[in-house]
Amino acid sequence: MSAREAPVPALLHVTTPSMAVVESALDAGYDGVIIDLQHGEVGLDAACRMLRAIPRGNAHAFARVASIDSGAIGRLLDSGARGIVAPTVETGGQARALVSATKYPPLGGRSLGPSRPALYGGGDYCAAGNAAVATVVQIESAAGVEAADDILGVDGVDSVYVGPADLAVSYGLPGRPDWTSGPVADAVVHLAERARAHGVTLGLYCSDPAFAAEQVLRAGLDYVGLGIDLMFVGRHARAAVAALKEAS
């Protein structure tokens, strides 16, 4: 971490429809969250409410959508999301569709109709909104890695978020994160290089803090997804029950 002035932002994946989980994560020291509409139990209405538990101006109030649906994405952005993560982006066309859904004209086609007042500051509301919202493509397949230049070269793409578990499955490997060698690790390095070449930021999901710290230096991560709320609950619940049984 000596090469950086400060630690990179850490984001918790939130898969339960709870404003309290979001507030607890931020209170615990997380810099932001990824509200997950793809996996877990969070629906669109719940996600929009959860976004309001995040202080205004937090640049890492992200939502991961189940698909590139401009209607759902527009509602999330109007409720205060500062980043939209689209899963399994594998083509430049998908990246352009995401930009269209997340950016105001002339860059995209987002409808101007916020549900929260003064969501973006500045004299030009559309330009301010485009600057405030991160359009995040999630690359999590071998096909996405191969098409990285086509995807990251799309005007309006701000960031790439690497999903290592699905990426591993696409290479015929077990679906787990935190790969230190092999094709997944090589893909992360490759995507880091392409991200820098295209001037977009880079994030990676990690389950282990020590591994995440290594990747910050190795891949030059700009942010890290660190853990999932339900996995934390399960891990600590198992440890508590095991400790009780051992002491009884």
Foldseek 3Di string as FASTA:
>chain_A
DVVDPDDFAEEEEEQELDLVVQLVCVVVPHLEYEDEQQDHDDDLVSLLVSLVSDDQPSLHHEYEHNALDLVSLLSNVLSQHQEYEYEADQALVRLQSLQQSQAPPPRHPHDPDHPDPCSFDDDDVRVRSLVRHAYEYEHEAPSNLVRVLSNLQRPSHAEYEYQQQSHQVNVVHHRDDLDPDDDSVVSLQSNLVSCVVSVHAYEYEDADPVSVVVCCVVSVHNYYHYYYPVVVVVVVVVVVVVVVVVVD
